[in-house]
């Protein structure tokens, strides 16, 4: 399987939910792909050439679905959100 083969239906099956319960799955999927490309610098073709990135998509989507808030338990910041914002920060000291 390639990253480009992953569908929202696949993700709903993995999450064990009905797809209608999570209309944002496409947003989460697109965000996970963008995160991987931004983090690695790979383009779509290169991402597809690494099948080991498929589980990363699933992990990122599950995290986005399960932790739909910036701050999670005990004041710990959502690391995916934090690292995504860090990639685009232009005002770092």
PDB file of N, CA and C in Angstrom:
ATOM      1  N   UNK A   1       0.836  -1.178   0.000  1.00  0.00           N
ATOM      2  CA  UNK A   1       0.000   0.000   0.000  1.00  0.00           C
ATOM      3  C   UNK A   1       0.883   1.245   0.000  1.00  0.00           C
ATOM      4  N   UNK A   2       0.400   2.289  -0.676  1.00  0.00           N
ATOM      5  CA  UNK A   2       1.084   3.568  -0.723  1.00  0.00           C
ATOM      6  C   UNK A   2       0.256   4.589   0.052  1.00  0.00           C
ATOM      7  N   UNK A   3       0.911   5.662   0.462  1.00  0.00           N
ATOM      8  CA  UNK A   3       0.213   6.726   1.179  1.00  0.00           C
ATOM      9  C   UNK A   3      -0.960   7.245   0.344  1.00  0.00           C
ATOM     10  N   UNK A   4      -0.764   7.402  -0.956  1.00  0.00           N
ATOM     11  CA  UNK A   4      -1.833   7.928  -1.810  1.00  0.00           C
ATOM     12  C   UNK A   4      -3.023   6.978  -1.932  1.00  0.00           C
ATOM     13  N   UNK A   5      -2.849   5.718  -1.550  1.00  0.00           N
ATOM     14  CA  UNK A   5      -3.938   4.740  -1.610  1.00  0.00           C
ATOM     15  C   UNK A   5      -4.874   4.816  -0.406  1.00  0.00           C
ATOM     16  N   UNK A   6      -4.466   5.476   0.655  1.00  0.00           N
ATOM     17  CA  UNK A   6      -5.255   5.527   1.881  1.00  0.00           C
ATOM     18  C   UNK A   6      -6.497   6.390   1.653  1.00  0.00           C
ATOM     19  N   UNK A   7      -7.648   5.849   2.042  1.00  0.00           N
ATOM     20  CA  UNK A   7      -8.907   6.574   1.901  1.00  0.00           C
ATOM     21  C   UNK A   7      -9.515   6.848   3.280  1.00  0.00           C
ATOM     22  N   UNK A   8     -10.494   7.716   3.304  1.00  0.00           N
ATOM     23  CA  UNK A   8     -11.183   7.978   4.566  1.00  0.00           C
ATOM     24  C   UNK A   8     -11.935   6.738   5.039  1.00  0.00           C
ATOM     25  N   UNK A   9     -12.352   5.909   4.104  1.00  0.00           N
ATOM     26  CA  UNK A   9     -13.004   4.657   4.463  1.00  0.00           C
ATOM     27  C   UNK A   9     -12.022   3.738   5.195  1.00  0.00           C
ATOM     28  N   UNK A  10     -10.780   3.673   4.712  1.00  0.00           N
ATOM     29  CA  UNK A  10      -9.743   2.888   5.389  1.00  0.00           C
ATOM     30  C   UNK A  10      -9.538   3.392   6.812  1.00  0.00           C
ATOM     31  N   UNK A  11      -9.501   4.699   6.948  1.00  0.00           N
ATOM     32  CA  UNK A  11      -9.277   5.296   8.268  1.00  0.00           C
ATOM     33  C   UNK A  11     -10.448   5.033   9.203  1.00  0.00           C
ATOM     34  N   UNK A  12     -11.668   5.126   8.689  1.00  0.00           N
ATOM     35  CA  UNK A  12     -12.851   4.839   9.508  1.00  0.00           C
ATOM     36  C   UNK A  12     -12.826   3.388   9.971  1.00  0.00           C
ATOM     37  N   UNK A  13     -12.451   2.477   9.083  1.00  0.00           N
ATOM     38  CA  UNK A  13     -12.333   1.067   9.468  1.00  0.00           C
ATOM     39  C   UNK A  13     -11.290   0.892  10.561  1.00  0.00           C
ATOM     40  N   UNK A  14     -10.161   1.559  10.416  1.00  0.00           N
ATOM     41  CA  UNK A  14      -9.082   1.458  11.399  1.00  0.00           C
ATOM     42  C   UNK A  14      -9.512   2.020  12.746  1.00  0.00           C
ATOM     43  N   UNK A  15     -10.263   3.114  12.713  1.00  0.00           N
ATOM     44  CA  UNK A  15     -10.752   3.734  13.941  1.00  0.00           C
ATOM     45  C   UNK A  15     -11.949   2.997  14.534  1.00  0.00           C
ATOM     46  N   UNK A  16     -12.482   2.051  13.763  1.00  0.00           N
ATOM     47  CA  UNK A  16     -13.660   1.286  14.163  1.00  0.00           C
ATOM     48  C   UNK A  16     -14.861   2.200  14.416  1.00  0.00           C
ATOM     49  N   UNK A  17     -15.077   3.106  13.457  1.00  0.00           N
ATOM     50  CA  UNK A  17     -16.209   4.014  13.515  1.00  0.00           C
ATOM     51  C   UNK A  17     -16.915   4.005  12.169  1.00  0.00           C
ATOM     52  N   UNK A  18     -18.137   4.489  12.169  1.00  0.00           N
ATOM     53  CA  UNK A  18     -18.842   4.717  10.917  1.00  0.00           C
ATOM     54  C   UNK A  18     -18.304   6.025  10.346  1.00  0.00           C
ATOM     55  N   UNK A  19     -18.068   6.056   9.067  1.00  0.00           N
ATOM     56  CA  UNK A  19     -17.461   7.230   8.450  1.00  0.00           C
ATOM     57  C   UNK A  19     -18.293   8.488   8.703  1.00  0.00           C
ATOM     58  N   UNK A  20     -19.611   8.336   8.853  1.00  0.00           N
ATOM     59  CA  UNK A  20     -20.462   9.501   9.101  1.00  0.00           C
ATOM     60  C   UNK A  20     -20.239  10.090  10.497  1.00  0.00           C
ATOM     61  N   UNK A  21     -19.615   9.310  11.393  1.00  0.00           N
ATOM     62  CA  UNK A  21     -19.328   9.806  12.739  1.00  0.00           C
ATOM     63  C   UNK A  21     -18.156  10.780  12.749  1.00  0.00           C
ATOM     64  N   UNK A  22     -17.364  10.773  11.705  1.00  0.00           N
ATOM     65  CA  UNK A  22     -16.167  11.621  11.657  1.00  0.00           C
ATOM     66  C   UNK A  22     -16.047  12.277  10.285  1.00  0.00           C
ATOM     67  N   UNK A  23     -16.854  13.302  10.039  1.00  0.00           N
ATOM     68  CA  UNK A  23     -16.798  13.950   8.727  1.00  0.00           C
ATOM     69  C   UNK A  23     -15.472  14.658   8.458  1.00  0.00           C
ATOM     70  N   UNK A  24     -14.650  14.812   9.488  1.00  0.00           N
ATOM     71  CA  UNK A  24     -13.365  15.502   9.325  1.00  0.00           C
ATOM     72  C   UNK A  24     -12.222  14.570   8.934  1.00  0.00           C
ATOM     73  N   UNK A  25     -12.498  13.319   8.660  1.00  0.00           N
ATOM     74  CA  UNK A  25     -11.419  12.386   8.337  1.00  0.00           C
ATOM     75  C   UNK A  25     -10.596  12.847   7.138  1.00  0.00           C
ATOM     76  N   UNK A  26     -11.221  13.443   6.143  1.00  0.00           N
ATOM     77  CA  UNK A  26     -10.465  13.919   4.981  1.00  0.00           C
ATOM     78  C   UNK A  26      -9.511  15.040   5.387  1.00  0.00           C
ATOM     79  N   UNK A  27      -9.960  15.903   6.286  1.00  0.00           N
ATOM     80  CA  UNK A  27      -9.099  16.980   6.786  1.00  0.00           C
ATOM     81  C   UNK A  27      -7.911  16.378   7.525  1.00  0.00           C
ATOM     82  N   UNK A  28      -8.175  15.376   8.372  1.00  0.00           N
ATOM     83  CA  UNK A  28      -7.101  14.735   9.119  1.00  0.00           C
ATOM     84  C   UNK A  28      -6.127  14.026   8.185  1.00  0.00           C
ATOM     85  N   UNK A  29      -6.643  13.365   7.157  1.00  0.00           N
ATOM     86  CA  UNK A  29      -5.799  12.667   6.183  1.00  0.00           C
ATOM     87  C   UNK A  29      -4.931  13.664   5.419  1.00  0.00           C
ATOM     88  N   UNK A  30      -5.537  14.723   4.925  1.00  0.00           N
ATOM     89  CA  UNK A  30      -4.777  15.735   4.187  1.00  0.00           C
ATOM     90  C   UNK A  30      -3.719  16.377   5.083  1.00  0.00           C
ATOM     91  N   UNK A  31      -4.070  16.629   6.328  1.00  0.00           N
ATOM     92  CA  UNK A  31      -3.124  17.238   7.271  1.00  0.00           C
ATOM     93  C   UNK A  31      -1.960  16.306   7.569  1.00  0.00           C
ATOM     94  N   UNK A  32      -2.251  15.027   7.732  1.00  0.00           N
ATOM     95  CA  UNK A  32      -1.194  14.052   8.010  1.00  0.00           C
ATOM     96  C   UNK A  32      -0.218  13.976   6.834  1.00  0.00           C
ATOM     97  N   UNK A  33      -0.749  13.968   5.608  1.00  0.00           N
ATOM     98  CA  UNK A  33       0.114  13.938   4.428  1.00  0.00           C
ATOM     99  C   UNK A  33       0.971  15.205   4.353  1.00  0.00           C
ATOM    100  N   UNK A  34       0.349  16.335   4.599  1.00  0.00           N
ATOM    101  CA  UNK A  34       1.091  17.604   4.554  1.00  0.00           C
ATOM    102  C   UNK A  34       2.157  17.646   5.639  1.00  0.00           C
ATOM    103  N   UNK A  35       1.836  17.116   6.806  1.00  0.00           N
ATOM    104  CA  UNK A  35       2.794  17.091   7.910  1.00  0.00           C
ATOM    105  C   UNK A  35       4.022  16.261   7.523  1.00  0.00           C
ATOM    106  N   UNK A  36       3.790  15.088   6.969  1.00  0.00           N
ATOM    107  CA  UNK A  36       4.899  14.218   6.561  1.00  0.00           C
ATOM    108  C   UNK A  36       5.750  14.900   5.493  1.00  0.00           C
ATOM    109  N   UNK A  37       5.103  15.519   4.503  1.00  0.00           N
ATOM    110  CA  UNK A  37       5.856  16.182   3.435  1.00  0.00           C
ATOM    111  C   UNK A  37       6.641  17.379   3.959  1.00  0.00           C
ATOM    112  N   UNK A  38       6.042  18.138   4.858  1.00  0.00           N
ATOM    113  CA  UNK A  38       6.748  19.294   5.422  1.00  0.00           C
ATOM    114  C   UNK A  38       7.908  18.854   6.301  1.00  0.00           C
ATOM    115  N   UNK A  39       7.667  17.833   7.081  1.00  0.00           N
ATOM    116  CA  UNK A  39       8.688  17.358   8.020  1.00  0.00           C
ATOM    117  C   UNK A  39       9.876  16.747   7.290  1.00  0.00           C
ATOM    118  N   UNK A  40       9.592  15.957   6.247  1.00  0.00           N
ATOM    119  CA  UNK A  40      10.657  15.227   5.552  1.00  0.00           C
ATOM    120  C   UNK A  40      11.222  15.967   4.346  1.00  0.00           C
ATOM    121  N   UNK A  41      10.441  16.869   3.766  1.00  0.00           N
ATOM    122  CA  UNK A  41      10.865  17.521   2.534  1.00  0.00           C
ATOM    123  C   UNK A  41      10.614  16.675   1.300  1.00  0.00           C
ATOM    124  N   UNK A  42       9.930  15.554   1.459  1.00  0.00           N
ATOM    125  CA  UNK A  42       9.635  14.663   0.333  1.00  0.00           C
ATOM    126  C   UNK A  42       8.411  15.168  -0.419  1.00  0.00           C
ATOM    127  N   UNK A  43       8.370  14.878  -1.737  1.00  0.00           N
ATOM    128  CA  UNK A  43       7.174  15.199  -2.508  1.00  0.00           C
ATOM    129  C   UNK A  43       6.247  13.980  -2.513  1.00  0.00           C
ATOM    130  N   UNK A  44       5.092  14.112  -3.175  1.00  0.00           N
ATOM    131  CA  UNK A  44       4.103  13.021  -3.177  1.00  0.00           C
ATOM    132  C   UNK A  44       4.681  11.711  -3.697  1.00  0.00           C
ATOM    133  N   UNK A  45       5.439  11.801  -4.775  1.00  0.00           N
ATOM    134  CA  UNK A  45       6.018  10.591  -5.379  1.00  0.00           C
ATOM    135  C   UNK A  45       6.995   9.911  -4.419  1.00  0.00           C
ATOM    136  N   UNK A  46       7.829  10.708  -3.779  1.00  0.00           N
ATOM    137  CA  UNK A  46       8.804  10.142  -2.840  1.00  0.00           C
ATOM    138  C   UNK A  46       8.117   9.549  -1.617  1.00  0.00           C
ATOM    139  N   UNK A  47       7.079  10.216  -1.133  1.00  0.00           N
ATOM    140  CA  UNK A  47       6.323   9.684   0.012  1.00  0.00           C
ATOM    141  C   UNK A  47       5.737   8.328  -0.349  1.00  0.00           C
ATOM    142  N   UNK A  48       5.196   8.215  -1.559  1.00  0.00           N
ATOM    143  CA  UNK A  48       4.604   6.950  -2.001  1.00  0.00           C
ATOM    144  C   UNK A  48       5.636   5.840  -2.156  1.00  0.00           C
ATOM    145  N   UNK A  49       6.897   6.195  -2.311  1.00  0.00           N
ATOM    146  CA  UNK A  49       7.929   5.170  -2.483  1.00  0.00           C
ATOM    147  C   UNK A  49       8.387   4.575  -1.150  1.00  0.00           C
ATOM    148  N   UNK A  50       7.843   5.074  -0.050  1.00  0.00           N
ATOM    149  CA  UNK A  50       8.206   4.577   1.289  1.00  0.00           C
ATOM    150  C   UNK A  50       6.971   3.982   1.967  1.00  0.00           C
ATOM    151  N   UNK A  51       6.745   2.681   1.817  1.00  0.00           N
ATOM    152  CA  UNK A  51       5.553   2.076   2.415  1.00  0.00           C
ATOM    153  C   UNK A  51       5.530   2.156   3.937  1.00  0.00           C
ATOM    154  N   UNK A  52       6.680   2.372   4.548  1.00  0.00           N
ATOM    155  CA  UNK A  52       6.707   2.477   6.005  1.00  0.00           C
ATOM    156  C   UNK A  52       6.109   3.799   6.491  1.00  0.00           C
ATOM    157  N   UNK A  53       5.768   4.715   5.581  1.00  0.00           N
ATOM    158  CA  UNK A  53       5.088   5.943   5.978  1.00  0.00           C
ATOM    159  C   UNK A  53       3.578   5.753   6.102  1.00  0.00           C
ATOM    160  N   UNK A  54       3.060   4.655   5.570  1.00  0.00           N
ATOM    161  CA  UNK A  54       1.616   4.382   5.678  1.00  0.00           C
ATOM    162  C   UNK A  54       1.176   4.308   7.142  1.00  0.00           C
ATOM    163  N   UNK A  55       1.861   3.539   8.002  1.00  0.00           N
ATOM    164  CA  UNK A  55       1.433   3.523   9.397  1.00  0.00           C
ATOM    165  C   UNK A  55       1.554   4.882  10.079  1.00  0.00           C
ATOM    166  N   UNK A  56       2.480   5.707   9.617  1.00  0.00           N
ATOM    167  CA  UNK A  56       2.631   7.047  10.190  1.00  0.00           C
ATOM    168  C   UNK A  56       1.364   7.859   9.923  1.00  0.00           C
ATOM    169  N   UNK A  57       0.805   7.731   8.728  1.00  0.00           N
ATOM    170  CA  UNK A  57      -0.458   8.411   8.416  1.00  0.00           C
ATOM    171  C   UNK A  57      -1.536   7.971   9.392  1.00  0.00           C
ATOM    172  N   UNK A  58      -1.646   6.666   9.596  1.00  0.00           N
ATOM    173  CA  UNK A  58      -2.672   6.145  10.511  1.00  0.00           C
ATOM    174  C   UNK A  58      -2.462   6.681  11.929  1.00  0.00           C
ATOM    175  N   UNK A  59      -1.236   6.702  12.396  1.00  0.00           N
ATOM    176  CA  UNK A  59      -0.944   7.195  13.748  1.00  0.00           C
ATOM    177  C   UNK A  59      -1.315   8.672  13.865  1.00  0.00           C
ATOM    178  N   UNK A  60      -0.949   9.457  12.868  1.00  0.00           N
ATOM    179  CA  UNK A  60      -1.253  10.888  12.905  1.00  0.00           C
ATOM    180  C   UNK A  60      -2.756  11.139  12.876  1.00  0.00           C
ATOM    181  N   UNK A  61      -3.474  10.381  12.061  1.00  0.00           N
ATOM    182  CA  UNK A  61      -4.927  10.552  11.986  1.00  0.00           C
ATOM    183  C   UNK A  61      -5.590  10.124  13.290  1.00  0.00           C
ATOM    184  N   UNK A  62      -5.156   9.009  13.852  1.00  0.00           N
ATOM    185  CA  UNK A  62      -5.716   8.562  15.133  1.00  0.00           C
ATOM    186  C   UNK A  62      -5.461   9.611  16.209  1.00  0.00           C
ATOM    187  N   UNK A  63      -4.260  10.162  16.228  1.00  0.00           N
ATOM    188  CA  UNK A  63      -3.941  11.203  17.205  1.00  0.00           C
ATOM    189  C   UNK A  63      -4.845  12.412  17.010  1.00  0.00           C
ATOM    190  N   UNK A  64      -5.039  12.836  15.768  1.00  0.00           N
ATOM    191  CA  UNK A  64      -5.901  13.984  15.492  1.00  0.00           C
ATOM    192  C   UNK A  64      -7.343  13.694  15.887  1.00  0.00           C
ATOM    193  N   UNK A  65      -7.794  12.469  15.646  1.00  0.00           N
ATOM    194  CA  UNK A  65      -9.171  12.098  15.975  1.00  0.00           C
ATOM    195  C   UNK A  65      -9.359  11.977  17.488  1.00  0.00           C
ATOM    196  N   UNK A  66      -8.430  11.323  18.152  1.00  0.00           N
ATOM    197  CA  UNK A  66      -8.560  11.088  19.592  1.00  0.00           C
ATOM    198  C   UNK A  66      -8.300  12.333  20.430  1.00  0.00           C
ATOM    199  N   UNK A  67      -7.406  13.185  19.977  1.00  0.00           N
ATOM    200  CA  UNK A  67      -6.991  14.362  20.747  1.00  0.00           C
ATOM    201  C   UNK A  67      -7.365  15.626  19.992  1.00  0.00           C
ATOM    202  N   UNK A  68      -8.629  15.883  19.925  1.00  0.00           N
ATOM    203  CA  UNK A  68      -9.104  17.031  19.152  1.00  0.00           C
ATOM    204  C   UNK A  68      -9.014  18.331  19.943  1.00  0.00           C
ATOM    205  N   UNK A  69      -7.929  18.466  20.651  1.00  0.00           N
ATOM    206  CA  UNK A  69      -7.676  19.709  21.368  1.00  0.00           C
ATOM    207  C   UNK A  69      -6.176  19.910  21.468  1.00  0.00           C
ATOM    208  N   UNK A  70      -5.764  21.152  21.659  1.00  0.00           N
ATOM    209  CA  UNK A  70      -4.334  21.461  21.699  1.00  0.00           C
ATOM    210  C   UNK A  70      -3.678  20.945  22.970  1.00  0.00           C
ATOM    211  N   UNK A  71      -4.296  21.156  24.119  1.00  0.00           N
ATOM    212  CA  UNK A  71      -3.741  20.691  25.383  1.00  0.00           C
ATOM    213  C   UNK A  71      -4.460  19.414  25.777  1.00  0.00           C
ATOM    214  N   UNK A  72      -3.696  18.403  26.108  1.00  0.00           N
ATOM    215  CA  UNK A  72      -4.281  17.133  26.512  1.00  0.00           C
ATOM    216  C   UNK A  72      -4.013  16.905  27.986  1.00  0.00           C
ATOM    217  N   UNK A  73      -4.249  15.719  28.463  1.00  0.00           N
ATOM    218  CA  UNK A  73      -4.173  15.401  29.887  1.00  0.00           C
ATOM    219  C   UNK A  73      -2.949  15.973  30.593  1.00  0.00           C
ATOM    220  N   UNK A  74      -3.169  16.411  31.809  1.00  0.00           N
ATOM    221  CA  UNK A  74      -2.111  16.895  32.706  1.00  0.00           C
ATOM    222  C   UNK A  74      -1.326  18.072  32.135  1.00  0.00           C
ATOM    223  N   UNK A  75      -1.949  18.846  31.257  1.00  0.00           N
ATOM    224  CA  UNK A  75      -1.288  20.026  30.717  1.00  0.00           C
ATOM    225  C   UNK A  75      -0.245  19.743  29.657  1.00  0.00           C
ATOM    226  N   UNK A  76      -0.104  18.502  29.219  1.00  0.00           N
ATOM    227  CA  UNK A  76       0.855  18.179  28.165  1.00  0.00           C
ATOM    228  C   UNK A  76       0.339  18.691  26.833  1.00  0.00           C
ATOM    229  N   UNK A  77       1.188  19.360  26.108  1.00  0.00           N
ATOM    230  CA  UNK A  77       0.824  19.919  24.811  1.00  0.00           C
ATOM    231  C   UNK A  77       0.842  18.812  23.769  1.00  0.00           C
ATOM    232  N   UNK A  78      -0.115  18.849  22.853  1.00  0.00           N
ATOM    233  CA  UNK A  78      -0.162  17.901  21.750  1.00  0.00           C
ATOM    234  C   UNK A  78       1.103  18.098  20.908  1.00  0.00           C
ATOM    235  N   UNK A  79       1.965  17.102  20.884  1.00  0.00           N
ATOM    236  CA  UNK A  79       3.278  17.214  20.235  1.00  0.00           C
ATOM    237  C   UNK A  79       3.176  17.368  18.719  1.00  0.00           C
ATOM    238  N   UNK A  80       2.175  16.763  18.092  1.00  0.00           N
ATOM    239  CA  UNK A  80       2.025  16.904  16.646  1.00  0.00           C
ATOM    240  C   UNK A  80       1.691  18.352  16.303  1.00  0.00           C
ATOM    241  N   UNK A  81       0.768  18.936  17.055  1.00  0.00           N
ATOM    242  CA  UNK A  81       0.396  20.324  16.812  1.00  0.00           C
ATOM    243  C   UNK A  81       1.601  21.225  17.054  1.00  0.00           C
ATOM    244  N   UNK A  82       2.278  21.002  18.164  1.00  0.00           N
ATOM    245  CA  UNK A  82       3.425  21.834  18.508  1.00  0.00           C
ATOM    246  C   UNK A  82       4.522  21.755  17.444  1.00  0.00           C
ATOM    247  N   UNK A  83       4.851  20.569  16.982  1.00  0.00           N
ATOM    248  CA  UNK A  83       5.924  20.447  15.994  1.00  0.00           C
ATOM    249  C   UNK A  83       5.499  20.987  14.632  1.00  0.00           C
ATOM    250  N   UNK A  84       4.204  20.879  14.292  1.00  0.00           N
ATOM    251  CA  UNK A  84       3.726  21.464  13.038  1.00  0.00           C
ATOM    252  C   UNK A  84       3.868  22.976  13.087  1.00  0.00           C
ATOM    253  N   UNK A  85       3.452  23.573  14.178  1.00  0.00           N
ATOM    254  CA  UNK A  85       3.577  25.020  14.312  1.00  0.00           C
ATOM    255  C   UNK A  85       5.040  25.446  14.318  1.00  0.00           C
ATOM    256  N   UNK A  86       5.897  24.652  14.936  1.00  0.00           N
ATOM    257  CA  UNK A  86       7.326  24.981  14.965  1.00  0.00           C
ATOM    258  C   UNK A  86       7.940  24.993  13.568  1.00  0.00           C
ATOM    259  N   UNK A  87       7.455  24.118  12.674  1.00  0.00           N
ATOM    260  CA  UNK A  87       8.002  24.074  11.326  1.00  0.00           C
ATOM    261  C   UNK A  87       7.756  25.373  10.571  1.00  0.00           C
ATOM    262  N   UNK A  88       6.674  26.082  10.922  1.00  0.00           N
ATOM    263  CA  UNK A  88       6.304  27.285  10.185  1.00  0.00           C
ATOM    264  C   UNK A  88       6.577  28.568  10.965  1.00  0.00           C
ATOM    265  N   UNK A  89       7.098  28.455  12.161  1.00  0.00           N
ATOM    266  CA  UNK A  89       7.345  29.647  12.974  1.00  0.00           C
ATOM    267  C   UNK A  89       8.478  30.475  12.387  1.00  0.00           C
ATOM    268  N   UNK A  90       8.213  31.741  12.252  1.00  0.00           N
ATOM    269  CA  UNK A  90       9.228  32.646  11.729  1.00  0.00           C
ATOM    270  C   UNK A  90       9.744  33.588  12.813  1.00  0.00           C
ATOM    271  N   UNK A  91       9.161  33.495  13.989  1.00  0.00           N
ATOM    272  CA  UNK A  91       9.546  34.397  15.064  1.00  0.00           C
ATOM    273  C   UNK A  91      10.268  33.690  16.199  1.00  0.00           C
ATOM    274  N   UNK A  92      10.955  32.614  15.892  1.00  0.00           N
ATOM    275  CA  UNK A  92      11.702  31.897  16.931  1.00  0.00           C
ATOM    276  C   UNK A  92      12.923  32.700  17.334  1.00  0.00           C
ATOM    277  N   UNK A  93      13.224  32.699  18.618  1.00  0.00           N
ATOM    278  CA  UNK A  93      14.392  33.437  19.104  1.00  0.00           C
ATOM    279  C   UNK A  93      15.617  32.580  19.085  1.00  0.00           C
TER     280      UNK A  93
END
